[in-house]
Amino acid sequence: MYSEQVRAHYANPRNAGSVTEPSGKAIVKSTLDSDTVLITLRIEHGVIQDVRFKCMGCAVAIACSSMATEMVLGKPVDEAYRITEEAVANALGGIPEYKMRCSNLAPAAIRNAIDDWRRRVG
């Protein structure tokens, strides 16, 4: 049912955990179920130097969080801010449509964490 990429990111999540003394952080919870994602990131000179996630959710939520962090690591914040749920799903080889709304939370959490960083730096 799930692609090999989804299974791989679920079995071996990349960037799990928390950034110590993050530049920005955000938590996003699904409005449809209990899936929740916390993103912490460290930004230096406008580039995401470190990004970590904690996820309470299903295999797809964990895989999406893992993939999304991989996609923004090392990117300028403006580029990272434009990450979409569709881009994450495509990078994972596709996810079921019903999972897009409840499990693909990391792109929104990344944008919110960048917004948090922007508020902190003025």
PDB file of N, CA and C in Angstrom:
ATOM      1  N   MET A   1       0.814  -1.187   0.000  1.00  0.00           N
ATOM      2  CA  MET A   1       0.000   0.000   0.000  1.00  0.00           C
ATOM      3  C   MET A   1       0.865   1.263   0.000  1.00  0.00           C
ATOM      4  N   TYR A   2       1.951   1.298   0.784  1.00  0.00           N
ATOM      5  CA  TYR A   2       2.826   2.458   0.825  1.00  0.00           C
ATOM      6  C   TYR A   2       4.069   2.215  -0.016  1.00  0.00           C
ATOM      7  N   SER A   3       4.617   3.295  -0.552  1.00  0.00           N
ATOM      8  CA  SER A   3       5.807   3.192  -1.397  1.00  0.00           C
ATOM      9  C   SER A   3       7.016   2.749  -0.579  1.00  0.00           C
ATOM     10  N   GLU A   4       8.040   2.334  -1.277  1.00  0.00           N
ATOM     11  CA  GLU A   4       9.279   1.940  -0.608  1.00  0.00           C
ATOM     12  C   GLU A   4       9.889   3.117   0.153  1.00  0.00           C
ATOM     13  N   GLN A   5       9.774   4.335  -0.409  1.00  0.00           N
ATOM     14  CA  GLN A   5      10.319   5.516   0.265  1.00  0.00           C
ATOM     15  C   GLN A   5       9.591   5.776   1.584  1.00  0.00           C
ATOM     16  N   VAL A   6       8.266   5.639   1.607  1.00  0.00           N
ATOM     17  CA  VAL A   6       7.508   5.819   2.845  1.00  0.00           C
ATOM     18  C   VAL A   6       7.976   4.800   3.871  1.00  0.00           C
ATOM     19  N   ARG A   7       8.074   3.557   3.458  1.00  0.00           N
ATOM     20  CA  ARG A   7       8.496   2.506   4.389  1.00  0.00           C
ATOM     21  C   ARG A   7       9.910   2.762   4.905  1.00  0.00           C
ATOM     22  N   ALA A   8      10.804   3.229   4.030  1.00  0.00           N
ATOM     23  CA  ALA A   8      12.194   3.487   4.437  1.00  0.00           C
ATOM     24  C   ALA A   8      12.287   4.647   5.431  1.00  0.00           C
ATOM     25  N   HIS A   9      11.550   5.723   5.180  1.00  0.00           N
ATOM     26  CA  HIS A   9      11.595   6.874   6.094  1.00  0.00           C
ATOM     27  C   HIS A   9      10.894   6.568   7.412  1.00  0.00           C
ATOM     28  N   TYR A  10       9.906   5.695   7.388  1.00  0.00           N
ATOM     29  CA  TYR A  10       9.256   5.288   8.626  1.00  0.00           C
ATOM     30  C   TYR A  10      10.185   4.388   9.444  1.00  0.00           C
ATOM     31  N   ALA A  11      10.806   3.432   8.789  1.00  0.00           N
ATOM     32  CA  ALA A  11      11.673   2.477   9.478  1.00  0.00           C
ATOM     33  C   ALA A  11      12.963   3.127   9.976  1.00  0.00           C
ATOM     34  N   ASN A  12      13.449   4.134   9.246  1.00  0.00           N
ATOM     35  CA  ASN A  12      14.708   4.794   9.590  1.00  0.00           C
ATOM     36  C   ASN A  12      14.549   6.300   9.402  1.00  0.00           C
ATOM     37  N   PRO A  13      13.811   6.955  10.305  1.00  0.00           N
ATOM     38  CA  PRO A  13      13.569   8.391  10.130  1.00  0.00           C
ATOM     39  C   PRO A  13      14.866   9.193  10.190  1.00  0.00           C
ATOM     40  N   ARG A  14      14.954  10.169   9.312  1.00  0.00           N
ATOM     41  CA  ARG A  14      16.091  11.081   9.293  1.00  0.00           C
ATOM     42  C   ARG A  14      15.729  12.315  10.118  1.00  0.00           C
ATOM     43  N   ASN A  15      16.690  12.858  10.830  1.00  0.00           N
ATOM     44  CA  ASN A  15      16.545  14.126  11.549  1.00  0.00           C
ATOM     45  C   ASN A  15      15.520  14.082  12.676  1.00  0.00           C
ATOM     46  N   ALA A  16      15.345  12.938  13.296  1.00  0.00           N
ATOM     47  CA  ALA A  16      14.440  12.849  14.445  1.00  0.00           C
ATOM     48  C   ALA A  16      15.108  13.475  15.663  1.00  0.00           C
ATOM     49  N   GLY A  17      14.314  14.077  16.520  1.00  0.00           N
ATOM     50  CA  GLY A  17      14.826  14.676  17.742  1.00  0.00           C
ATOM     51  C   GLY A  17      14.528  16.157  17.801  1.00  0.00           C
ATOM     52  N   SER A  18      15.341  16.884  18.579  1.00  0.00           N
ATOM     53  CA  SER A  18      15.166  18.322  18.752  1.00  0.00           C
ATOM     54  C   SER A  18      16.496  19.030  18.576  1.00  0.00           C
ATOM     55  N   VAL A  19      16.452  20.218  18.020  1.00  0.00           N
ATOM     56  CA  VAL A  19      17.632  21.072  17.931  1.00  0.00           C
ATOM     57  C   VAL A  19      17.807  21.748  19.293  1.00  0.00           C
ATOM     58  N   THR A  20      19.019  21.701  19.820  1.00  0.00           N
ATOM     59  CA  THR A  20      19.327  22.401  21.060  1.00  0.00           C
ATOM     60  C   THR A  20      19.380  23.897  20.772  1.00  0.00           C
ATOM     61  N   GLU A  21      18.717  24.692  21.584  1.00  0.00           N
ATOM     62  CA  GLU A  21      18.646  26.143  21.411  1.00  0.00           C
ATOM     63  C   GLU A  21      18.256  26.517  19.973  1.00  0.00           C
ATOM     64  N   PRO A  22      17.036  26.148  19.580  1.00  0.00           N
ATOM     65  CA  PRO A  22      16.604  26.392  18.198  1.00  0.00           C
ATOM     66  C   PRO A  22      16.416  27.877  17.882  1.00  0.00           C
ATOM     67  N   SER A  23      16.606  28.209  16.619  1.00  0.00           N
ATOM     68  CA  SER A  23      16.310  29.564  16.124  1.00  0.00           C
ATOM     69  C   SER A  23      14.805  29.755  16.004  1.00  0.00           C
ATOM     70  N   GLY A  24      14.104  28.673  15.711  1.00  0.00           N
ATOM     71  CA  GLY A  24      12.655  28.705  15.569  1.00  0.00           C
ATOM     72  C   GLY A  24      12.082  27.332  15.842  1.00  0.00           C
ATOM     73  N   LYS A  25      10.822  27.319  16.266  1.00  0.00           N
ATOM     74  CA  LYS A  25      10.159  26.038  16.513  1.00  0.00           C
ATOM     75  C   LYS A  25       8.664  26.218  16.323  1.00  0.00           C
ATOM     76  N   ALA A  26       8.007  25.106  16.028  1.00  0.00           N
ATOM     77  CA  ALA A  26       6.558  25.136  15.840  1.00  0.00           C
ATOM     78  C   ALA A  26       6.008  23.732  15.993  1.00  0.00           C
ATOM     79  N   ILE A  27       4.769  23.689  16.449  1.00  0.00           N
ATOM     80  CA  ILE A  27       4.055  22.426  16.570  1.00  0.00           C
ATOM     81  C   ILE A  27       2.758  22.554  15.777  1.00  0.00           C
ATOM     82  N   VAL A  28       2.444  21.500  15.018  1.00  0.00           N
ATOM     83  CA  VAL A  28       1.210  21.474  14.232  1.00  0.00           C
ATOM     84  C   VAL A  28       0.497  20.173  14.533  1.00  0.00           C
ATOM     85  N   LYS A  29      -0.784  20.287  14.790  1.00  0.00           N
ATOM     86  CA  LYS A  29      -1.621  19.119  15.079  1.00  0.00           C
ATOM     87  C   LYS A  29      -2.691  19.006  14.008  1.00  0.00           C
ATOM     88  N   SER A  30      -2.935  17.805  13.586  1.00  0.00           N
ATOM     89  CA  SER A  30      -3.989  17.542  12.609  1.00  0.00           C
ATOM     90  C   SER A  30      -5.346  17.898  13.198  1.00  0.00           C
ATOM     91  N   THR A  31      -6.195  18.462  12.363  1.00  0.00           N
ATOM     92  CA  THR A  31      -7.570  18.731  12.791  1.00  0.00           C
ATOM     93  C   THR A  31      -8.449  17.496  12.637  1.00  0.00           C
ATOM     94  N   LEU A  32      -7.910  16.461  12.000  1.00  0.00           N
ATOM     95  CA  LEU A  32      -8.710  15.263  11.726  1.00  0.00           C
ATOM     96  C   LEU A  32      -8.439  14.100  12.670  1.00  0.00           C
ATOM     97  N   ASP A  33      -7.230  14.055  13.239  1.00  0.00           N
ATOM     98  CA  ASP A  33      -6.889  12.959  14.148  1.00  0.00           C
ATOM     99  C   ASP A  33      -5.833  13.459  15.119  1.00  0.00           C
ATOM    100  N   SER A  34      -5.111  12.570  15.748  1.00  0.00           N
ATOM    101  CA  SER A  34      -4.156  12.978  16.782  1.00  0.00           C
ATOM    102  C   SER A  34      -2.737  13.189  16.270  1.00  0.00           C
ATOM    103  N   ASP A  35      -2.488  13.068  14.963  1.00  0.00           N
ATOM    104  CA  ASP A  35      -1.134  13.277  14.442  1.00  0.00           C
ATOM    105  C   ASP A  35      -0.650  14.675  14.815  1.00  0.00           C
ATOM    106  N   THR A  36       0.583  14.750  15.334  1.00  0.00           N
ATOM    107  CA  THR A  36       1.176  16.006  15.780  1.00  0.00           C
ATOM    108  C   THR A  36       2.652  15.999  15.410  1.00  0.00           C
ATOM    109  N   VAL A  37       3.140  17.148  14.924  1.00  0.00           N
ATOM    110  CA  VAL A  37       4.552  17.279  14.542  1.00  0.00           C
ATOM    111  C   VAL A  37       5.133  18.527  15.189  1.00  0.00           C
ATOM    112  N   LEU A  38       6.302  18.360  15.798  1.00  0.00           N
ATOM    113  CA  LEU A  38       7.084  19.460  16.329  1.00  0.00           C
ATOM    114  C   LEU A  38       8.324  19.608  15.464  1.00  0.00           C
ATOM    115  N   ILE A  39       8.557  20.799  14.960  1.00  0.00           N
ATOM    116  CA  ILE A  39       9.761  21.099  14.179  1.00  0.00           C
ATOM    117  C   ILE A  39      10.594  22.098  14.968  1.00  0.00           C
ATOM    118  N   THR A  40      11.884  21.814  15.103  1.00  0.00           N
ATOM    119  CA  THR A  40      12.844  22.774  15.633  1.00  0.00           C
ATOM    120  C   THR A  40      13.935  22.941  14.580  1.00  0.00           C
ATOM    121  N   LEU A  41      14.408  24.177  14.431  1.00  0.00           N
ATOM    122  CA  LEU A  41      15.445  24.406  13.428  1.00  0.00           C
ATOM    123  C   LEU A  41      16.439  25.461  13.890  1.00  0.00           C
ATOM    124  N   ARG A  42      17.636  25.359  13.324  1.00  0.00           N
ATOM    125  CA  ARG A  42      18.689  26.337  13.567  1.00  0.00           C
ATOM    126  C   ARG A  42      19.013  26.997  12.236  1.00  0.00           C
ATOM    127  N   ILE A  43      18.929  28.305  12.237  1.00  0.00           N
ATOM    128  CA  ILE A  43      19.176  29.084  11.023  1.00  0.00           C
ATOM    129  C   ILE A  43      20.384  29.974  11.262  1.00  0.00           C
ATOM    130  N   GLU A  44      21.314  29.946  10.325  1.00  0.00           N
ATOM    131  CA  GLU A  44      22.481  30.828  10.364  1.00  0.00           C
ATOM    132  C   GLU A  44      22.633  31.461   8.993  1.00  0.00           C
ATOM    133  N   HIS A  45      22.766  32.781   8.982  1.00  0.00           N
ATOM    134  CA  HIS A  45      22.947  33.521   7.731  1.00  0.00           C
ATOM    135  C   HIS A  45      21.854  33.209   6.716  1.00  0.00           C
ATOM    136  N   GLY A  46      20.625  33.021   7.214  1.00  0.00           N
ATOM    137  CA  GLY A  46      19.482  32.790   6.343  1.00  0.00           C
ATOM    138  C   GLY A  46      19.389  31.402   5.746  1.00  0.00           C
ATOM    139  N   VAL A  47      20.178  30.460   6.280  1.00  0.00           N
ATOM    140  CA  VAL A  47      20.191  29.088   5.754  1.00  0.00           C
ATOM    141  C   VAL A  47      19.875  28.126   6.899  1.00  0.00           C
ATOM    142  N   ILE A  48      19.054  27.131   6.623  1.00  0.00           N
ATOM    143  CA  ILE A  48      18.717  26.125   7.630  1.00  0.00           C
ATOM    144  C   ILE A  48      19.910  25.187   7.793  1.00  0.00           C
ATOM    145  N   GLN A  49      20.569  25.322   8.938  1.00  0.00           N
ATOM    146  CA  GLN A  49      21.767  24.522   9.223  1.00  0.00           C
ATOM    147  C   GLN A  49      21.434  23.203   9.905  1.00  0.00           C
ATOM    148  N   ASP A  50      20.335  23.187  10.653  1.00  0.00           N
ATOM    149  CA  ASP A  50      19.899  21.961  11.317  1.00  0.00           C
ATOM    150  C   ASP A  50      18.383  22.018  11.452  1.00  0.00           C
ATOM    151  N   VAL A  51      17.748  20.896  11.287  1.00  0.00           N
ATOM    152  CA  VAL A  51      16.294  20.791  11.439  1.00  0.00           C
ATOM    153  C   VAL A  51      15.992  19.405  11.980  1.00  0.00           C
ATOM    154  N   ARG A  52      15.128  19.368  12.977  1.00  0.00           N
ATOM    155  CA  ARG A  52      14.756  18.110  13.624  1.00  0.00           C
ATOM    156  C   ARG A  52      13.243  18.065  13.817  1.00  0.00           C
ATOM    157  N   PHE A  53      12.730  16.861  13.941  1.00  0.00           N
ATOM    158  CA  PHE A  53      11.297  16.712  14.168  1.00  0.00           C
ATOM    159  C   PHE A  53      11.027  15.685  15.251  1.00  0.00           C
ATOM    160  N   LYS A  54       9.915  15.884  15.918  1.00  0.00           N
ATOM    161  CA  LYS A  54       9.314  14.876  16.789  1.00  0.00           C
ATOM    162  C   LYS A  54       7.895  14.719  16.281  1.00  0.00           C
ATOM    163  N   CYS A  55       7.477  13.477  16.136  1.00  0.00           N
ATOM    164  CA  CYS A  55       6.165  13.213  15.559  1.00  0.00           C
ATOM    165  C   CYS A  55       5.443  12.152  16.371  1.00  0.00           C
ATOM    166  N   MET A  56       4.209  12.464  16.696  1.00  0.00           N
ATOM    167  CA  MET A  56       3.322  11.476  17.272  1.00  0.00           C
ATOM    168  C   MET A  56       2.261  11.224  16.206  1.00  0.00           C
ATOM    169  N   GLY A  57       2.361  10.077  15.574  1.00  0.00           N
ATOM    170  CA  GLY A  57       1.413   9.796  14.509  1.00  0.00           C
ATOM    171  C   GLY A  57       1.709   8.487  13.822  1.00  0.00           C
ATOM    172  N   CYS A  58       1.045   8.304  12.706  1.00  0.00           N
ATOM    173  CA  CYS A  58       1.140   7.060  11.944  1.00  0.00           C
ATOM    174  C   CYS A  58       2.434   7.018  11.125  1.00  0.00           C
ATOM    175  N   ALA A  59       2.620   5.926  10.423  1.00  0.00           N
ATOM    176  CA  ALA A  59       3.811   5.739   9.597  1.00  0.00           C
ATOM    177  C   ALA A  59       3.957   6.845   8.557  1.00  0.00           C
ATOM    178  N   VAL A  60       2.862   7.265   7.958  1.00  0.00           N
ATOM    179  CA  VAL A  60       2.920   8.306   6.931  1.00  0.00           C
ATOM    180  C   VAL A  60       3.324   9.645   7.553  1.00  0.00           C
ATOM    181  N   ALA A  61       2.808   9.959   8.721  1.00  0.00           N
ATOM    182  CA  ALA A  61       3.177  11.212   9.387  1.00  0.00           C
ATOM    183  C   ALA A  61       4.670  11.240   9.693  1.00  0.00           C
ATOM    184  N   ILE A  62       5.209  10.141  10.161  1.00  0.00           N
ATOM    185  CA  ILE A  62       6.636  10.055  10.462  1.00  0.00           C
ATOM    186  C   ILE A  62       7.450  10.150   9.176  1.00  0.00           C
ATOM    187  N   ALA A  63       7.049   9.428   8.141  1.00  0.00           N
ATOM    188  CA  ALA A  63       7.769   9.468   6.869  1.00  0.00           C
ATOM    189  C   ALA A  63       7.737  10.862   6.253  1.00  0.00           C
ATOM    190  N   CYS A  64       6.588  11.527   6.297  1.00  0.00           N
ATOM    191  CA  CYS A  64       6.486  12.882   5.749  1.00  0.00           C
ATOM    192  C   CYS A  64       7.375  13.847   6.520  1.00  0.00           C
ATOM    193  N   SER A  65       7.407  13.721   7.831  1.00  0.00           N
ATOM    194  CA  SER A  65       8.257  14.593   8.641  1.00  0.00           C
ATOM    195  C   SER A  65       9.728  14.368   8.330  1.00  0.00           C
ATOM    196  N   SER A  66      10.115  13.115   8.214  1.00  0.00           N
ATOM    197  CA  SER A  66      11.493  12.774   7.880  1.00  0.00           C
ATOM    198  C   SER A  66      11.885  13.336   6.515  1.00  0.00           C
ATOM    199  N   MET A  67      11.056  13.104   5.522  1.00  0.00           N
ATOM    200  CA  MET A  67      11.350  13.578   4.164  1.00  0.00           C
ATOM    201  C   MET A  67      11.382  15.105   4.106  1.00  0.00           C
ATOM    202  N   ALA A  68      10.430  15.755   4.744  1.00  0.00           N
ATOM    203  CA  ALA A  68      10.376  17.223   4.706  1.00  0.00           C
ATOM    204  C   ALA A  68      11.642  17.831   5.301  1.00  0.00           C
ATOM    205  N   THR A  69      12.126  17.273   6.403  1.00  0.00           N
ATOM    206  CA  THR A  69      13.353  17.812   6.990  1.00  0.00           C
ATOM    207  C   THR A  69      14.540  17.608   6.058  1.00  0.00           C
ATOM    208  N   GLU A  70      14.588  16.478   5.385  1.00  0.00           N
ATOM    209  CA  GLU A  70      15.654  16.240   4.403  1.00  0.00           C
ATOM    210  C   GLU A  70      15.602  17.269   3.271  1.00  0.00           C
ATOM    211  N   MET A  71      14.389  17.615   2.865  1.00  0.00           N
ATOM    212  CA  MET A  71      14.210  18.523   1.726  1.00  0.00           C
ATOM    213  C   MET A  71      14.625  19.961   2.042  1.00  0.00           C
ATOM    214  N   VAL A  72      14.561  20.379   3.314  1.00  0.00           N
ATOM    215  CA  VAL A  72      14.871  21.778   3.645  1.00  0.00           C
ATOM    216  C   VAL A  72      16.251  21.960   4.262  1.00  0.00           C
ATOM    217  N   LEU A  73      16.882  20.905   4.707  1.00  0.00           N
ATOM    218  CA  LEU A  73      18.196  21.006   5.328  1.00  0.00           C
ATOM    219  C   LEU A  73      19.203  21.599   4.347  1.00  0.00           C
ATOM    220  N   GLY A  74      19.867  22.677   4.778  1.00  0.00           N
ATOM    221  CA  GLY A  74      20.871  23.327   3.932  1.00  0.00           C
ATOM    222  C   GLY A  74      20.303  24.329   2.945  1.00  0.00           C
ATOM    223  N   LYS A  75      19.004  24.527   2.974  1.00  0.00           N
ATOM    224  CA  LYS A  75      18.345  25.438   2.022  1.00  0.00           C
ATOM    225  C   LYS A  75      18.193  26.832   2.636  1.00  0.00           C
ATOM    226  N   PRO A  76      18.196  27.873   1.791  1.00  0.00           N
ATOM    227  CA  PRO A  76      17.849  29.212   2.281  1.00  0.00           C
ATOM    228  C   PRO A  76      16.412  29.200   2.801  1.00  0.00           C
ATOM    229  N   VAL A  77      16.137  30.045   3.805  1.00  0.00           N
ATOM    230  CA  VAL A  77      14.816  30.016   4.426  1.00  0.00           C
ATOM    231  C   VAL A  77      13.698  30.311   3.436  1.00  0.00           C
ATOM    232  N   ASP A  78      13.925  31.210   2.485  1.00  0.00           N
ATOM    233  CA  ASP A  78      12.863  31.515   1.520  1.00  0.00           C
ATOM    234  C   ASP A  78      12.521  30.300   0.667  1.00  0.00           C
ATOM    235  N   GLU A  79      13.516  29.517   0.302  1.00  0.00           N
ATOM    236  CA  GLU A  79      13.270  28.290  -0.466  1.00  0.00           C
ATOM    237  C   GLU A  79      12.585  27.247   0.411  1.00  0.00           C
ATOM    238  N   ALA A  80      13.048  27.082   1.633  1.00  0.00           N
ATOM    239  CA  ALA A  80      12.447  26.117   2.555  1.00  0.00           C
ATOM    240  C   ALA A  80      11.000  26.473   2.859  1.00  0.00           C
ATOM    241  N   TYR A  81      10.701  27.758   2.924  1.00  0.00           N
ATOM    242  CA  TYR A  81       9.356  28.225   3.245  1.00  0.00           C
ATOM    243  C   TYR A  81       8.348  27.792   2.181  1.00  0.00           C
ATOM    244  N   ARG A  82       8.824  27.595   0.976  1.00  0.00           N
ATOM    245  CA  ARG A  82       7.924  27.244  -0.137  1.00  0.00           C
ATOM    246  C   ARG A  82       7.678  25.735  -0.272  1.00  0.00           C
ATOM    247  N   ILE A  83       8.220  24.932   0.627  1.00  0.00           N
ATOM    248  CA  ILE A  83       7.978  23.485   0.551  1.00  0.00           C
ATOM    249  C   ILE A  83       6.475  23.225   0.652  1.00  0.00           C
ATOM    250  N   THR A  84       5.999  22.334  -0.172  1.00  0.00           N
ATOM    251  CA  THR A  84       4.565  22.037  -0.186  1.00  0.00           C
ATOM    252  C   THR A  84       4.310  20.595   0.232  1.00  0.00           C
ATOM    253  N   GLU A  85       3.083  20.366   0.639  1.00  0.00           N
ATOM    254  CA  GLU A  85       2.657  19.015   0.971  1.00  0.00           C
ATOM    255  C   GLU A  85       2.769  18.104  -0.249  1.00  0.00           C
ATOM    256  N   GLU A  86       2.435  18.648  -1.421  1.00  0.00           N
ATOM    257  CA  GLU A  86       2.528  17.855  -2.656  1.00  0.00           C
ATOM    258  C   GLU A  86       3.968  17.464  -2.962  1.00  0.00           C
ATOM    259  N   ALA A  87       4.906  18.384  -2.741  1.00  0.00           N
ATOM    260  CA  ALA A  87       6.319  18.080  -3.002  1.00  0.00           C
ATOM    261  C   ALA A  87       6.809  16.968  -2.086  1.00  0.00           C
ATOM    262  N   VAL A  88       6.408  17.010  -0.820  1.00  0.00           N
ATOM    263  CA  VAL A  88       6.802  15.959   0.126  1.00  0.00           C
ATOM    264  C   VAL A  88       6.188  14.624  -0.293  1.00  0.00           C
ATOM    265  N   ALA A  89       4.914  14.625  -0.615  1.00  0.00           N
ATOM    266  CA  ALA A  89       4.248  13.389  -1.046  1.00  0.00           C
ATOM    267  C   ALA A  89       4.910  12.822  -2.298  1.00  0.00           C
ATOM    268  N   ASN A  90       5.222  13.682  -3.250  1.00  0.00           N
ATOM    269  CA  ASN A  90       5.874  13.221  -4.481  1.00  0.00           C
ATOM    270  C   ASN A  90       7.258  12.649  -4.199  1.00  0.00           C
ATOM    271  N   ALA A  91       8.009  13.294  -3.314  1.00  0.00           N
ATOM    272  CA  ALA A  91       9.346  12.803  -2.973  1.00  0.00           C
ATOM    273  C   ALA A  91       9.282  11.437  -2.309  1.00  0.00           C
ATOM    274  N   LEU A  92       8.167  11.144  -1.674  1.00  0.00           N
ATOM    275  CA  LEU A  92       7.970   9.836  -1.040  1.00  0.00           C
ATOM    276  C   LEU A  92       7.369   8.807  -1.992  1.00  0.00           C
ATOM    277  N   GLY A  93       7.215   9.164  -3.242  1.00  0.00           N
ATOM    278  CA  GLY A  93       6.633   8.229  -4.201  1.00  0.00           C
ATOM    279  C   GLY A  93       5.123   8.162  -4.121  1.00  0.00           C
ATOM    280  N   GLY A  94       4.522   9.183  -3.476  1.00  0.00           N
ATOM    281  CA  GLY A  94       3.072   9.261  -3.345  1.00  0.00           C
ATOM    282  C   GLY A  94       2.591   8.719  -2.008  1.00  0.00           C
ATOM    283  N   ILE A  95       1.518   9.341  -1.528  1.00  0.00           N
ATOM    284  CA  ILE A  95       0.838   8.855  -0.329  1.00  0.00           C
ATOM    285  C   ILE A  95      -0.661   8.888  -0.628  1.00  0.00           C
ATOM    286  N   PRO A  96      -1.436   8.086   0.073  1.00  0.00           N
ATOM    287  CA  PRO A  96      -2.887   8.102  -0.175  1.00  0.00           C
ATOM    288  C   PRO A  96      -3.465   9.499   0.054  1.00  0.00           C
ATOM    289  N   GLU A  97      -4.415   9.878  -0.769  1.00  0.00           N
ATOM    290  CA  GLU A  97      -5.007  11.219  -0.706  1.00  0.00           C
ATOM    291  C   GLU A  97      -5.550  11.536   0.689  1.00  0.00           C
ATOM    292  N   TYR A  98      -6.190  10.570   1.323  1.00  0.00           N
ATOM    293  CA  TYR A  98      -6.759  10.840   2.641  1.00  0.00           C
ATOM    294  C   TYR A  98      -5.681  11.125   3.687  1.00  0.00           C
ATOM    295  N   LYS A  99      -4.447  10.713   3.428  1.00  0.00           N
ATOM    296  CA  LYS A  99      -3.346  10.980   4.356  1.00  0.00           C
ATOM    297  C   LYS A  99      -2.750  12.380   4.151  1.00  0.00           C
ATOM    298  N   MET A 100      -3.037  13.011   3.033  1.00  0.00           N
ATOM    299  CA  MET A 100      -2.498  14.346   2.773  1.00  0.00           C
ATOM    300  C   MET A 100      -2.973  15.337   3.827  1.00  0.00           C
ATOM    301  N   ARG A 101      -4.200  15.226   4.273  1.00  0.00           N
ATOM    302  CA  ARG A 101      -4.778  16.212   5.183  1.00  0.00           C
ATOM    303  C   ARG A 101      -4.483  15.918   6.645  1.00  0.00           C
ATOM    304  N   CYS A 102      -4.212  14.660   6.976  1.00  0.00           N
ATOM    305  CA  CYS A 102      -4.024  14.353   8.399  1.00  0.00           C
ATOM    306  C   CYS A 102      -2.583  14.029   8.765  1.00  0.00           C
ATOM    307  N   SER A 103      -1.762  13.640   7.812  1.00  0.00           N
ATOM    308  CA  SER A 103      -0.428  13.152   8.147  1.00  0.00           C
ATOM    309  C   SER A 103       0.710  13.977   7.562  1.00  0.00           C
ATOM    310  N   ASN A 104       0.428  14.784   6.560  1.00  0.00           N
ATOM    311  CA  ASN A 104       1.480  15.541   5.886  1.00  0.00           C
ATOM    312  C   ASN A 104       1.561  16.935   6.526  1.00  0.00           C
ATOM    313  N   LEU A 105       1.957  16.970   7.799  1.00  0.00           N
ATOM    314  CA  LEU A 105       1.923  18.188   8.602  1.00  0.00           C
ATOM    315  C   LEU A 105       3.245  18.946   8.621  1.00  0.00           C
ATOM    316  N   ALA A 106       4.335  18.284   8.295  1.00  0.00           N
ATOM    317  CA  ALA A 106       5.657  18.892   8.448  1.00  0.00           C
ATOM    318  C   ALA A 106       5.853  20.161   7.617  1.00  0.00           C
ATOM    319  N   PRO A 107       5.377  20.246   6.368  1.00  0.00           N
ATOM    320  CA  PRO A 107       5.577  21.505   5.640  1.00  0.00           C
ATOM    321  C   PRO A 107       4.978  22.712   6.359  1.00  0.00           C
ATOM    322  N   ALA A 108       3.793  22.559   6.926  1.00  0.00           N
ATOM    323  CA  ALA A 108       3.184  23.665   7.678  1.00  0.00           C
ATOM    324  C   ALA A 108       4.002  23.964   8.934  1.00  0.00           C
ATOM    325  N   ALA A 109       4.481  22.939   9.611  1.00  0.00           N
ATOM    326  CA  ALA A 109       5.288  23.144  10.814  1.00  0.00           C
ATOM    327  C   ALA A 109       6.607  23.835  10.476  1.00  0.00           C
ATOM    328  N   ILE A 110       7.195  23.495   9.340  1.00  0.00           N
ATOM    329  CA  ILE A 110       8.431  24.156   8.914  1.00  0.00           C
ATOM    330  C   ILE A 110       8.167  25.636   8.650  1.00  0.00           C
ATOM    331  N   ARG A 111       7.099  25.943   7.935  1.00  0.00           N
ATOM    332  CA  ARG A 111       6.763  27.355   7.684  1.00  0.00           C
ATOM    333  C   ARG A 111       6.513  28.100   8.997  1.00  0.00           C
ATOM    334  N   ASN A 112       5.800  27.469   9.915  1.00  0.00           N
ATOM    335  CA  ASN A 112       5.528  28.103  11.201  1.00  0.00           C
ATOM    336  C   ASN A 112       6.806  28.307  12.011  1.00  0.00           C
ATOM    337  N   ALA A 113       7.740  27.361  11.943  1.00  0.00           N
ATOM    338  CA  ALA A 113       9.014  27.502  12.653  1.00  0.00           C
ATOM    339  C   ALA A 113       9.846  28.636  12.038  1.00  0.00           C
ATOM    340  N   ILE A 114       9.800  28.768  10.731  1.00  0.00           N
ATOM    341  CA  ILE A 114      10.491  29.887  10.073  1.00  0.00           C
ATOM    342  C   ILE A 114       9.844  31.199  10.485  1.00  0.00           C
ATOM    343  N   ASP A 115       8.530  31.230  10.541  1.00  0.00           N
ATOM    344  CA  ASP A 115       7.826  32.434  11.016  1.00  0.00           C
ATOM    345  C   ASP A 115       8.240  32.768  12.448  1.00  0.00           C
ATOM    346  N   ASP A 116       8.376  31.748  13.293  1.00  0.00           N
ATOM    347  CA  ASP A 116       8.816  31.955  14.669  1.00  0.00           C
ATOM    348  C   ASP A 116      10.211  32.572  14.680  1.00  0.00           C
ATOM    349  N   TRP A 117      11.116  32.060  13.866  1.00  0.00           N
ATOM    350  CA  TRP A 117      12.473  32.614  13.757  1.00  0.00           C
ATOM    351  C   TRP A 117      12.421  34.069  13.306  1.00  0.00           C
ATOM    352  N   ARG A 118      11.585  34.363  12.315  1.00  0.00           N
ATOM    353  CA  ARG A 118      11.479  35.737  11.818  1.00  0.00           C
ATOM    354  C   ARG A 118      10.975  36.682  12.918  1.00  0.00           C
ATOM    355  N   ARG A 119      10.042  36.226  13.723  1.00  0.00           N
ATOM    356  CA  ARG A 119       9.558  37.057  14.844  1.00  0.00           C
ATOM    357  C   ARG A 119      10.672  37.291  15.863  1.00  0.00           C
ATOM    358  N   ARG A 120      11.467  36.284  16.102  1.00  0.00           N
ATOM    359  CA  ARG A 120      12.552  36.390  17.089  1.00  0.00           C
ATOM    360  C   ARG A 120      13.646  37.366  16.645  1.00  0.00           C
ATOM    361  N   VAL A 121      13.958  37.365  15.342  1.00  0.00           N
ATOM    362  CA  VAL A 121      15.049  38.225  14.857  1.00  0.00           C
ATOM    363  C   VAL A 121      14.547  39.605  14.435  1.00  0.00           C
ATOM    364  N   GLY A 122      13.235  39.764  14.394  1.00  0.00           N
ATOM    365  CA  GLY A 122      12.657  41.074  14.042  1.00  0.00           C
ATOM    366  C   GLY A 122      12.572  41.215  12.594  1.00  0.00           C
TER     367      GLY A 122
END
